[in-house]
C-alpha atoms as a PDB file:
ATOM      1  CA  MET A   1      -3.069  -3.254 -21.541  1.00  0.00           C
ATOM      2  CA  SER A   2      -1.357   0.145 -21.368  1.00  0.00           C
ATOM      3  CA  ALA A   3      -2.472   2.892 -23.718  1.00  0.00           C
ATOM      4  CA  ASP A   4       0.824   2.669 -25.657  1.00  0.00           C
ATOM      5  CA  GLY A   5       0.597  -1.134 -25.973  1.00  0.00           C
ATOM      6  CA  ARG A   6       3.968  -1.697 -24.245  1.00  0.00           C
ATOM      7  CA  HIS A   7       2.662  -3.035 -20.928  1.00  0.00           C
ATOM      8  CA  GLY A   8       0.099  -5.544 -19.755  1.00  0.00           C
ATOM      9  CA  VAL A   9      -1.081  -7.132 -16.534  1.00  0.00           C
ATOM     10  CA  SER A  10      -3.254 -10.109 -15.600  1.00  0.00           C
ATOM     11  CA  ILE A  11      -4.461 -10.585 -12.022  1.00  0.00           C
ATOM     12  CA  ILE A  12      -6.602 -13.531 -10.881  1.00  0.00           C
ATOM     13  CA  ALA A  13      -7.900 -13.979  -7.331  1.00  0.00           C
ATOM     14  CA  PHE A  14      -8.623 -17.649  -6.685  1.00  0.00           C
ATOM     15  CA  ILE A  15     -10.907 -19.133  -4.029  1.00  0.00           C
ATOM     16  CA  GLY A  16     -10.293 -22.818  -4.617  1.00  0.00           C
ATOM     17  CA  SER A  17      -7.378 -22.529  -7.046  1.00  0.00           C
ATOM     18  CA  VAL A  18      -8.534 -24.551 -10.042  1.00  0.00           C
ATOM     19  CA  PHE A  19      -4.984 -25.318 -11.187  1.00  0.00           C
ATOM     20  CA  SER A  20      -3.605 -26.132  -7.725  1.00  0.00           C
ATOM     21  CA  PRO A  21      -1.956 -29.564  -7.359  1.00  0.00           C
ATOM     22  CA  TYR A  22      -2.525 -29.289  -3.586  1.00  0.00           C
ATOM     23  CA  TYR A  23      -6.266 -28.720  -4.089  1.00  0.00           C
ATOM     24  CA  ALA A  24      -6.437 -31.644  -6.531  1.00  0.00           C
ATOM     25  CA  PHE A  25      -4.664 -33.920  -4.015  1.00  0.00           C
ATOM     26  CA  ALA A  26      -7.053 -32.830  -1.246  1.00  0.00           C
ATOM     27  CA  ARG A  27     -10.092 -33.580  -3.422  1.00  0.00           C
ATOM     28  CA  ARG A  28      -8.786 -37.015  -4.339  1.00  0.00           C
ATOM     29  CA  ASN A  29      -8.459 -37.772  -0.633  1.00  0.00           C
ATOM     30  CA  GLY A  30     -11.974 -36.728   0.312  1.00  0.00           C
ATOM     31  CA  GLY A  31     -11.222 -33.113   1.312  1.00  0.00           C
ATOM     32  CA  GLY A  32     -10.949 -30.007  -0.771  1.00  0.00           C
ATOM     33  CA  ASP A  33     -12.058 -26.943   1.225  1.00  0.00           C
ATOM     34  CA  PRO A  34     -11.864 -24.090  -1.354  1.00  0.00           C
ATOM     35  CA  LEU A  35     -10.845 -21.537   1.271  1.00  0.00           C
ATOM     36  CA  ASN A  36      -7.841 -23.693   2.101  1.00  0.00           C
ATOM     37  CA  HIS A  37      -6.532 -23.202  -1.448  1.00  0.00           C
ATOM     38  CA  CYS A  38      -6.498 -19.478  -2.295  1.00  0.00           C
ATOM     39  CA  ALA A  39      -4.028 -17.487  -4.361  1.00  0.00           C
ATOM     40  CA  LEU A  40      -3.473 -14.154  -6.054  1.00  0.00           C
ATOM     41  CA  ASN A  41      -1.958 -14.828  -9.464  1.00  0.00           C
ATOM     42  CA  VAL A  42      -0.174 -11.720 -10.782  1.00  0.00           C
ATOM     43  CA  ALA A  43       1.587 -11.415 -14.134  1.00  0.00           C
ATOM     44  CA  PHE A  44       3.148  -8.197 -15.440  1.00  0.00           C
ATOM     45  CA  TYR A  45       4.427  -7.938 -19.009  1.00  0.00           C
ATOM     46  CA  ASN A  46       6.488  -5.287 -20.762  1.00  0.00           C
ATOM     47  CA  ASP A  47       8.875  -5.061 -23.678  1.00  0.00           C
ATOM     48  CA  SER A  48      11.811  -6.723 -21.978  1.00  0.00           C
ATOM     49  CA  ARG A  49      10.686  -8.706 -18.929  1.00  0.00           C
ATOM     50  CA  LYS A  50       7.894 -10.607 -17.206  1.00  0.00           C
ATOM     51  CA  SER A  51       7.059 -10.822 -13.489  1.00  0.00           C
ATOM     52  CA  TRP A  52       4.884 -13.745 -12.379  1.00  0.00           C
ATOM     53  CA  ALA A  53       3.624 -14.879  -8.959  1.00  0.00           C
ATOM     54  CA  MET A  54       1.074 -17.404  -7.717  1.00  0.00           C
ATOM     55  CA  THR A  55       1.540 -18.403  -4.098  1.00  0.00           C
ATOM     56  CA  GLU A  56      -1.197 -20.541  -2.559  1.00  0.00           C
ATOM     57  CA  ARG A  57      -2.352 -19.894   1.012  1.00  0.00           C
ATOM     58  CA  GLY A  58      -4.594 -21.746   3.424  1.00  0.00           C
ATOM     59  CA  ARG A  59      -7.756 -20.824   5.299  1.00  0.00           C
ATOM     60  CA  ALA A  60      -5.885 -19.399   8.282  1.00  0.00           C
ATOM     61  CA  HIS A  61      -4.285 -16.752   6.058  1.00  0.00           C
ATOM     62  CA  VAL A  62      -7.247 -15.561   3.993  1.00  0.00           C
ATOM     63  CA  HIS A  63     -10.172 -13.374   4.976  1.00  0.00           C
ATOM     64  CA  ALA A  64     -13.232 -12.592   2.859  1.00  0.00           C
ATOM     65  CA  THR A  65     -16.039 -10.076   3.373  1.00  0.00           C
ATOM     66  CA  ALA A  66     -18.739  -8.786   1.023  1.00  0.00           C
ATOM     67  CA  SER A  67     -16.365  -6.081  -0.236  1.00  0.00           C
ATOM     68  CA  SER A  68     -12.824  -7.382   0.305  1.00  0.00           C
ATOM     69  CA  PHE A  69     -10.673 -10.475  -0.032  1.00  0.00           C
ATOM     70  CA  ALA A  70      -7.313 -10.700   1.754  1.00  0.00           C
ATOM     71  CA  ILE A  71      -4.902 -13.425   0.640  1.00  0.00           C
ATOM     72  CA  GLY A  72      -1.887 -13.371   2.927  1.00  0.00           C
ATOM     73  CA  PRO A  73      -0.309  -9.893   2.589  1.00  0.00           C
ATOM     74  CA  SER A  74      -2.279  -9.005  -0.573  1.00  0.00           C
ATOM     75  CA  MET A  75      -5.787  -7.577  -0.754  1.00  0.00           C
ATOM     76  CA  VAL A  76      -8.581  -7.077  -3.287  1.00  0.00           C
ATOM     77  CA  ALA A  77     -11.253  -4.530  -2.255  1.00  0.00           C
ATOM     78  CA  TRP A  78     -14.325  -2.916  -3.857  1.00  0.00           C
ATOM     79  CA  ASP A  79     -15.755   0.383  -2.585  1.00  0.00           C
ATOM     80  CA  GLY A  80     -18.621   0.759  -5.052  1.00  0.00           C
ATOM     81  CA  ASP A  81     -16.629   2.783  -7.581  1.00  0.00           C
ATOM     82  CA  VAL A  82     -13.156   1.279  -7.882  1.00  0.00           C
ATOM     83  CA  LEU A  83     -11.607  -2.168  -7.503  1.00  0.00           C
ATOM     84  CA  THR A  84      -8.301  -1.797  -5.645  1.00  0.00           C
ATOM     85  CA  ILE A  85      -5.726  -4.593  -5.738  1.00  0.00           C
ATOM     86  CA  GLU A  86      -2.904  -4.246  -3.210  1.00  0.00           C
ATOM     87  CA  ILE A  87      -0.114  -6.570  -4.310  1.00  0.00           C
ATOM     88  CA  ASN A  88       2.539  -7.943  -1.958  1.00  0.00           C
ATOM     89  CA  GLU A  89       3.786 -11.161  -3.529  1.00  0.00           C
ATOM     90  CA  THR A  90       6.973 -13.075  -4.373  1.00  0.00           C
ATOM     91  CA  THR A  91       7.667 -14.219  -7.910  1.00  0.00           C
ATOM     92  CA  ALA A  92       8.373 -17.832  -8.890  1.00  0.00           C
ATOM     93  CA  PRO A  93      10.409 -19.800  -9.739  1.00  0.00           C
ATOM     94  CA  ILE A  94      13.104 -17.124  -9.159  1.00  0.00           C
ATOM     95  CA  PRO A  95      12.123 -15.101  -6.055  1.00  0.00           C
ATOM     96  CA  SER A  96      11.749 -11.330  -6.301  1.00  0.00           C
ATOM     97  CA  SER A  97       9.278  -8.843  -4.830  1.00  0.00           C
ATOM     98  CA  LEU A  98       6.032  -7.714  -6.451  1.00  0.00           C
ATOM     99  CA  ARG A  99       4.709  -4.714  -4.513  1.00  0.00           C
ATOM    100  CA  GLY A 100       2.277  -2.004  -5.484  1.00  0.00           C
ATOM    101  CA  VAL A 101      -1.318  -1.128  -6.304  1.00  0.00           C
ATOM    102  CA  VAL A 102      -3.548  -1.634  -9.331  1.00  0.00           C
ATOM    103  CA  ARG A 103      -6.863   0.221  -9.512  1.00  0.00           C
ATOM    104  CA  VAL A 104      -9.681  -0.686 -11.895  1.00  0.00           C
ATOM    105  CA  TYR A 105     -12.467   1.831 -12.623  1.00  0.00           C
ATOM    106  CA  PRO A 106     -15.485   0.133 -14.272  1.00  0.00           C
ATOM    107  CA  LYS A 107     -17.479   2.084 -16.834  1.00  0.00           C
ATOM    108  CA  ALA A 108     -20.556  -0.127 -16.323  1.00  0.00           C
ATOM    109  CA  LEU A 109     -21.607  -3.263 -14.408  1.00  0.00           C
ATOM    110  CA  PRO A 110     -23.896  -5.345 -16.686  1.00  0.00           C
ATOM    111  CA  ARG A 111     -24.857  -7.917 -13.977  1.00  0.00           C
ATOM    112  CA  ARG A 112     -25.405 -10.881 -16.302  1.00  0.00           C
ATOM    113  CA  THR A 113     -24.058 -14.422 -15.986  1.00  0.00           C
ATOM    114  CA  PHE A 114     -23.550 -16.996 -18.751  1.00  0.00           C
ATOM    115  CA  ASP A 115     -23.416 -20.788 -18.387  1.00  0.00           C
ATOM    116  CA  LEU A 116     -20.398 -22.364 -20.075  1.00  0.00           C
ATOM    117  CA  ASP A 117     -21.715 -25.946 -20.006  1.00  0.00           C
ATOM    118  CA  ALA A 118     -25.085 -27.578 -20.634  1.00  0.00           C
ATOM    119  CA  ALA A 119     -25.363 -28.849 -17.048  1.00  0.00           C
ATOM    120  CA  GLY A 120     -24.854 -25.378 -15.572  1.00  0.00           C
ATOM    121  CA  PHE A 121     -21.901 -26.485 -13.431  1.00  0.00           C
ATOM    122  CA  HIS A 122     -19.672 -23.677 -14.731  1.00  0.00           C
ATOM    123  CA  SER A 123     -20.591 -20.027 -15.216  1.00  0.00           C
ATOM    124  CA  TRP A 124     -18.893 -16.852 -16.369  1.00  0.00           C
ATOM    125  CA  GLN A 125     -19.807 -13.311 -15.367  1.00  0.00           C
ATOM    126  CA  PRO A 126     -18.347 -10.304 -17.217  1.00  0.00           C
ATOM    127  CA  ILE A 127     -18.390  -7.977 -14.215  1.00  0.00           C
ATOM    128  CA  ALA A 128     -16.792  -4.893 -15.790  1.00  0.00           C
ATOM    129  CA  PRO A 129     -16.154  -5.553 -19.486  1.00  0.00           C
ATOM    130  CA  CYS A 130     -15.127  -1.929 -20.108  1.00  0.00           C
ATOM    131  CA  ALA A 131     -12.829  -0.354 -17.539  1.00  0.00           C
ATOM    132  CA  HIS A 132      -9.951   2.061 -16.983  1.00  0.00           C
ATOM    133  CA  VAL A 133      -6.843   0.743 -15.209  1.00  0.00           C
ATOM    134  CA  GLU A 134      -4.127   2.543 -13.249  1.00  0.00           C
ATOM    135  CA  VAL A 135      -0.914   0.730 -12.290  1.00  0.00           C
ATOM    136  CA  LEU A 136       1.435   2.047  -9.607  1.00  0.00           C
ATOM    137  CA  MET A 137       4.083  -0.522  -8.639  1.00  0.00           C
ATOM    138  CA  SER A 138       7.146   0.104  -6.486  1.00  0.00           C
ATOM    139  CA  GLN A 139       8.733  -3.321  -7.159  1.00  0.00           C
ATOM    140  CA  PRO A 140       9.289  -3.479 -10.062  1.00  0.00           C
ATOM    141  CA  SER A 141       8.997   0.239 -10.729  1.00  0.00           C
ATOM    142  CA  LEU A 142       5.987   0.598 -13.029  1.00  0.00           C
ATOM    143  CA  ARG A 143       3.508   3.402 -13.611  1.00  0.00           C
ATOM    144  CA  TRP A 144       1.015   3.309 -16.470  1.00  0.00           C
ATOM    145  CA  ARG A 145      -2.655   3.646 -17.444  1.00  0.00           C
ATOM    146  CA  GLY A 146      -4.735   1.764 -19.941  1.00  0.00           C
ATOM    147  CA  ALA A 147      -7.868  -0.217 -20.751  1.00  0.00           C
ATOM    148  CA  GLY A 148      -8.955  -3.158 -18.629  1.00  0.00           C
ATOM    149  CA  TYR A 149     -11.582  -5.743 -17.926  1.00  0.00           C
ATOM    150  CA  VAL A 150     -12.929  -7.681 -14.924  1.00  0.00           C
ATOM    151  CA  ASP A 151     -14.732 -11.020 -14.992  1.00  0.00           C
ATOM    152  CA  SER A 152     -15.447 -14.012 -12.771  1.00  0.00           C
ATOM    153  CA  ASN A 153     -15.617 -17.766 -13.304  1.00  0.00           C
ATOM    154  CA  ARG A 154     -17.426 -20.048 -10.862  1.00  0.00           C
ATOM    155  CA  GLY A 155     -17.831 -23.802 -10.834  1.00  0.00           C
ATOM    156  CA  ARG A 156     -19.371 -26.661  -8.869  1.00  0.00           C
ATOM    157  CA  ALA A 157     -17.005 -29.264 -10.339  1.00  0.00           C
ATOM    158  CA  PRO A 158     -13.329 -29.346 -11.388  1.00  0.00           C
ATOM    159  CA  LEU A 159     -12.707 -27.703 -14.764  1.00  0.00           C
ATOM    160  CA  GLU A 160     -10.896 -30.783 -16.043  1.00  0.00           C
ATOM    161  CA  ALA A 161     -13.938 -32.944 -15.257  1.00  0.00           C
ATOM    162  CA  GLY A 162     -16.181 -30.957 -17.584  1.00  0.00           C
ATOM    163  CA  PHE A 163     -14.023 -29.504 -20.339  1.00  0.00           C
ATOM    164  CA  GLU A 164     -11.435 -30.704 -22.817  1.00  0.00           C
ATOM    165  CA  SER A 165     -10.313 -27.240 -23.920  1.00  0.00           C
ATOM    166  CA  TRP A 166     -11.304 -23.631 -24.408  1.00  0.00           C
ATOM    167  CA  HIS A 167     -10.200 -20.513 -26.262  1.00  0.00           C
ATOM    168  CA  TRP A 168     -11.077 -17.032 -24.987  1.00  0.00           C
ATOM    169  CA  SER A 169     -10.198 -13.521 -26.101  1.00  0.00           C
ATOM    170  CA  ARG A 170     -11.006  -9.903 -25.286  1.00  0.00           C
ATOM    171  CA  ALA A 171     -10.497  -6.986 -27.668  1.00  0.00           C
ATOM    172  CA  ASP A 172     -11.108  -3.249 -27.341  1.00  0.00           C
ATOM    173  CA  LEU A 173     -13.146  -1.846 -30.245  1.00  0.00           C
ATOM    174  CA  ARG A 174     -14.535   1.606 -31.002  1.00  0.00           C
ATOM    175  CA  GLU A 175     -17.957   0.578 -29.680  1.00  0.00           C
ATOM    176  CA  GLY A 176     -16.695  -1.191 -26.551  1.00  0.00           C
ATOM    177  CA  THR A 177     -15.224  -4.572 -25.654  1.00  0.00           C
ATOM    178  CA  ALA A 178     -15.658  -7.749 -27.692  1.00  0.00           C
ATOM    179  CA  VAL A 179     -15.332 -11.138 -26.012  1.00  0.00           C
ATOM    180  CA  LEU A 180     -15.122 -14.503 -27.755  1.00  0.00           C
ATOM    181  CA  TYR A 181     -15.494 -17.826 -25.916  1.00  0.00           C
ATOM    182  CA  ASP A 182     -15.178 -21.236 -27.608  1.00  0.00           C
ATOM    183  CA  VAL A 183     -15.418 -24.281 -25.329  1.00  0.00           C
ATOM    184  CA  THR A 184     -15.175 -28.012 -25.989  1.00  0.00           C
ATOM    185  CA  ASP A 185     -16.500 -30.369 -23.312  1.00  0.00           C
ATOM    186  CA  ARG A 186     -15.354 -33.911 -22.491  1.00  0.00           C
ATOM    187  CA  SER A 187     -17.845 -35.369 -24.992  1.00  0.00           C
ATOM    188  CA  ARG A 188     -16.289 -33.130 -27.708  1.00  0.00           C
ATOM    189  CA  SER A 189     -19.444 -31.019 -27.951  1.00  0.00           C
ATOM    190  CA  GLN A 190     -18.676 -27.384 -28.742  1.00  0.00           C
ATOM    191  CA  ALA A 191     -20.280 -24.099 -27.742  1.00  0.00           C
ATOM    192  CA  SER A 192     -19.383 -20.484 -28.421  1.00  0.00           C
ATOM    193  CA  LEU A 193     -20.160 -16.945 -27.318  1.00  0.00           C
ATOM    194  CA  ALA A 194     -19.543 -13.740 -29.276  1.00  0.00           C
ATOM    195  CA  LEU A 195     -20.504 -10.628 -27.307  1.00  0.00           C
ATOM    196  CA  LEU A 196     -20.008  -6.884 -27.578  1.00  0.00           C
ATOM    197  CA  PHE A 197     -20.152  -4.878 -24.333  1.00  0.00           C
ATOM    198  CA  THR A 198     -20.671  -1.127 -24.626  1.00  0.00           C
ATOM    199  CA  PRO A 199     -19.396   1.401 -22.049  1.00  0.00           C
ATOM    200  CA  SER A 200     -23.037   2.092 -21.069  1.00  0.00           C
ATOM    201  CA  GLY A 201     -23.514  -1.557 -20.022  1.00  0.00           C
ATOM    202  CA  LYS A 202     -25.422  -2.831 -23.055  1.00  0.00           C
ATOM    203  CA  ILE A 203     -24.672  -6.399 -24.208  1.00  0.00           C
ATOM    204  CA  GLU A 204     -25.004  -7.250 -27.886  1.00  0.00           C
ATOM    205  CA  GLU A 205     -24.594 -10.740 -29.326  1.00  0.00           C
ATOM    206  CA  PHE A 206     -23.042 -10.992 -32.782  1.00  0.00           C
ATOM    207  CA  THR A 207     -22.424 -13.823 -35.207  1.00  0.00           C
ATOM    208  CA  PRO A 208     -19.032 -15.387 -34.420  1.00  0.00           C
ATOM    209  CA  PRO A 209     -16.564 -14.814 -37.274  1.00  0.00           C
ATOM    210  CA  PRO A 210     -14.903 -17.845 -38.880  1.00  0.00           C
ATOM    211  CA  LYS A 211     -12.458 -19.871 -36.813  1.00  0.00           C
ATOM    212  CA  VAL A 212      -8.761 -19.304 -37.422  1.00  0.00           C
ATOM    213  CA  GLU A 213      -6.044 -21.732 -36.370  1.00  0.00           C
ATOM    214  CA  LEU A 214      -3.048 -19.954 -34.871  1.00  0.00           C
ATOM    215  CA  PRO A 215       0.441 -21.478 -34.509  1.00  0.00           C
ATOM    216  CA  SER A 216       0.762 -23.937 -31.627  1.00  0.00           C
ATOM    217  CA  THR A 217       3.008 -23.016 -28.701  1.00  0.00           C
ATOM    218  CA  ARG A 218       6.369 -24.622 -27.994  1.00  0.00           C
ATOM    219  CA  TRP A 219       4.464 -26.974 -25.629  1.00  0.00           C
ATOM    220  CA  LYS A 220       2.242 -27.920 -28.594  1.00  0.00           C
ATOM    221  CA  ILE A 221      -0.836 -26.252 -27.127  1.00  0.00           C
ATOM    222  CA  ALA A 222      -3.283 -25.544 -29.947  1.00  0.00           C
ATOM    223  CA  ARG A 223      -4.362 -21.929 -30.300  1.00  0.00           C
ATOM    224  CA  GLN A 224      -7.525 -20.878 -32.074  1.00  0.00           C
ATOM    225  CA  THR A 225      -9.429 -17.623 -32.471  1.00  0.00           C
ATOM    226  CA  ARG A 226     -12.026 -16.046 -34.726  1.00  0.00           C
ATOM    227  CA  SER A 227     -11.477 -13.271 -37.229  1.00  0.00           C
ATOM    228  CA  ASP A 228     -13.292 -11.480 -40.025  1.00  0.00           C
ATOM    229  CA  GLY A 229     -12.286 -12.930 -43.382  1.00  0.00           C
ATOM    230  CA  ALA A 230     -10.759  -9.657 -44.570  1.00  0.00           C
ATOM    231  CA  GLN A 231      -8.667  -9.341 -41.396  1.00  0.00           C
ATOM    232  CA  PRO A 232      -6.421 -12.414 -40.912  1.00  0.00           C
ATOM    233  CA  ALA A 233      -5.420 -13.094 -37.309  1.00  0.00           C
ATOM    234  CA  ARG A 234      -1.847 -13.513 -36.124  1.00  0.00           C
ATOM    235  CA  VAL A 235       0.022 -13.947 -32.851  1.00  0.00           C
ATOM    236  CA  VAL A 236       1.906 -10.754 -32.026  1.00  0.00           C
ATOM    237  CA  LYS A 237       3.517 -12.082 -28.847  1.00  0.00           C
ATOM    238  CA  THR A 238       3.235 -15.141 -26.634  1.00  0.00           C
ATOM    239  CA  LEU A 239       3.006 -13.855 -23.062  1.00  0.00           C
ATOM    240  CA  GLU A 240       2.668 -17.189 -21.234  1.00  0.00           C
ATOM    241  CA  SER A 241       3.555 -20.632 -22.532  1.00  0.00           C
ATOM    242  CA  ALA A 242       2.891 -23.476 -20.091  1.00  0.00           C
ATOM    243  CA  PRO A 243       2.351 -27.222 -20.640  1.00  0.00           C
ATOM    244  CA  PHE A 244      -1.442 -26.753 -20.512  1.00  0.00           C
ATOM    245  CA  TYR A 245      -2.033 -23.018 -21.024  1.00  0.00           C
ATOM    246  CA  ALA A 246      -1.086 -20.143 -23.325  1.00  0.00           C
ATOM    247  CA  ARG A 247      -1.717 -16.407 -23.020  1.00  0.00           C
ATOM    248  CA  SER A 248      -1.020 -14.367 -26.129  1.00  0.00           C
ATOM    249  CA  LEU A 249      -1.415 -10.944 -27.680  1.00  0.00           C
ATOM    250  CA  VAL A 250      -3.225 -11.458 -30.981  1.00  0.00           C
ATOM    251  CA  LYS A 251      -3.966  -9.048 -33.814  1.00  0.00           C
ATOM    252  CA  THR A 252      -7.331  -9.880 -35.324  1.00  0.00           C
ATOM    253  CA  GLY A 253     -10.349  -8.519 -37.152  1.00  0.00           C
ATOM    254  CA  LEU A 254     -13.715  -8.144 -35.414  1.00  0.00           C
ATOM    255  CA  LEU A 255     -16.858  -6.348 -36.546  1.00  0.00           C
ATOM    256  CA  GLY A 256     -15.018  -4.762 -39.440  1.00  0.00           C
ATOM    257  CA  GLN A 257     -12.162  -3.424 -37.319  1.00  0.00           C
ATOM    258  CA  GLN A 258      -8.575  -4.425 -36.716  1.00  0.00           C
ATOM    259  CA  ALA A 259      -7.908  -4.949 -33.019  1.00  0.00           C
ATOM    260  CA  PHE A 260      -5.395  -6.288 -30.544  1.00  0.00           C
ATOM    261  CA  ALA A 261      -6.844  -9.001 -28.334  1.00  0.00           C
ATOM    262  CA  MET A 262      -5.703 -10.590 -25.104  1.00  0.00           C
ATOM    263  CA  HIS A 263      -6.108 -14.297 -25.863  1.00  0.00           C
ATOM    264  CA  GLU A 264      -5.904 -17.522 -23.887  1.00  0.00           C
ATOM    265  CA  SER A 265      -5.973 -21.198 -24.803  1.00  0.00           C
ATOM    266  CA  LEU A 266      -6.447 -23.870 -22.152  1.00  0.00           C
ATOM    267  CA  SER A 267      -5.981 -27.630 -22.608  1.00  0.00           C
ATOM    268  CA  LEU A 268      -7.656 -29.494 -19.751  1.00  0.00           C
ATOM    269  CA  GLY A 269      -6.732 -32.793 -21.371  1.00  0.00           C
ATOM    270  CA  ARG A 270      -3.063 -31.861 -20.959  1.00  0.00           C
ATOM    271  CA  PHE A 271      -3.703 -30.521 -17.442  1.00  0.00           C
ATOM    272  CA  ARG A 272      -5.049 -33.917 -16.329  1.00  0.00           C
ATOM    273  CA  SER A 273      -1.784 -35.688 -17.175  1.00  0.00           C
ATOM    274  CA  GLY A 274       0.417 -36.821 -14.286  1.00  0.00           C
ATOM    275  CA  TRP A 275       3.627 -35.224 -15.563  1.00  0.00           C
ATOM    276  CA  VAL A 276       1.983 -31.793 -15.747  1.00  0.00           C
ATOM    277  CA  GLN A 277       0.625 -32.152 -12.210  1.00  0.00           C
ATOM    278  CA  ALA A 278       4.136 -32.991 -10.988  1.00  0.00           C
ATOM    279  CA  MET A 279       5.531 -29.771 -12.524  1.00  0.00           C
ATOM    280  CA  LEU A 280       2.983 -27.355 -11.056  1.00  0.00           C
ATOM    281  CA  PRO A 281       4.493 -26.801  -7.566  1.00  0.00           C
ATOM    282  CA  PHE A 282       7.549 -25.131  -9.139  1.00  0.00           C
ATOM    283  CA  ARG A 283       5.348 -22.255 -10.392  1.00  0.00           C
ATOM    284  CA  MET A 284       2.655 -22.500  -7.683  1.00  0.00           C
ATOM    285  CA  PRO A 285       4.329 -22.775  -4.265  1.00  0.00           C
ATOM    286  CA  ARG A 286       2.243 -23.081  -1.117  1.00  0.00           C
ATOM    287  CA  ALA A 287       3.088 -20.685   1.717  1.00  0.00           C
ATOM    288  CA  LEU A 288       2.711 -21.199   5.434  1.00  0.00           C
ATOM    289  CA  ARG A 289       1.552 -17.610   6.011  1.00  0.00           C
END
């Protein structure tokens, strides 16, 4: 998020795009090479418009090393101090250019991984929970600075095979970054994480505040967060509203402070449905280069 709160960006580099209908089809037919289903998902938000791209590319058009990951004409690279994302994508469903650079400067690298399920099939690593971000885009013309965050999810099974839903949020506090994770697996068992990451790299667990039900999206996706009793939570703006996913800006109360949180809710039960799978190619095209 930008320092003035007017702009936001989410960037996800996928190796084995978990929401790809092409990857799901390949797995059902005995294939499913992760490197044949890669994408750079980019979403920019500001007061008046949104730019969104997620073009899938195959093995012949991706290249990974220990410090870089090229997906078609876009590139993610780490030099030991800064994560540089060179963006050269086309938006969907209405084509337009997304070109420019985003740089992320971590304040610390905690180097700890958390399992999200009892079997250990899915893990989450908060790589740089506290970071500074610089955005310099030529198309659309954007230039801003703000606070950011880098994490990674890895899995040895499809998300929809293990989970029914999850709710996640990240908020900047005076002491650092707070992250909340609430997951429900296919057996309806629930687990949660409530963590505070300091700029020095320290990780502190805290007691999760009470659950708060937020208004459902227009696709009837349930949204839930946690908030201190004295600080009721509310949705400030819905940034993404899809048949199985919602990304929102939420005002909440954590550790005695009011904060704005980037929030997501994911319904894997909805994602498994055939009609949702049929809709995905309109927002997730597959390129030949």
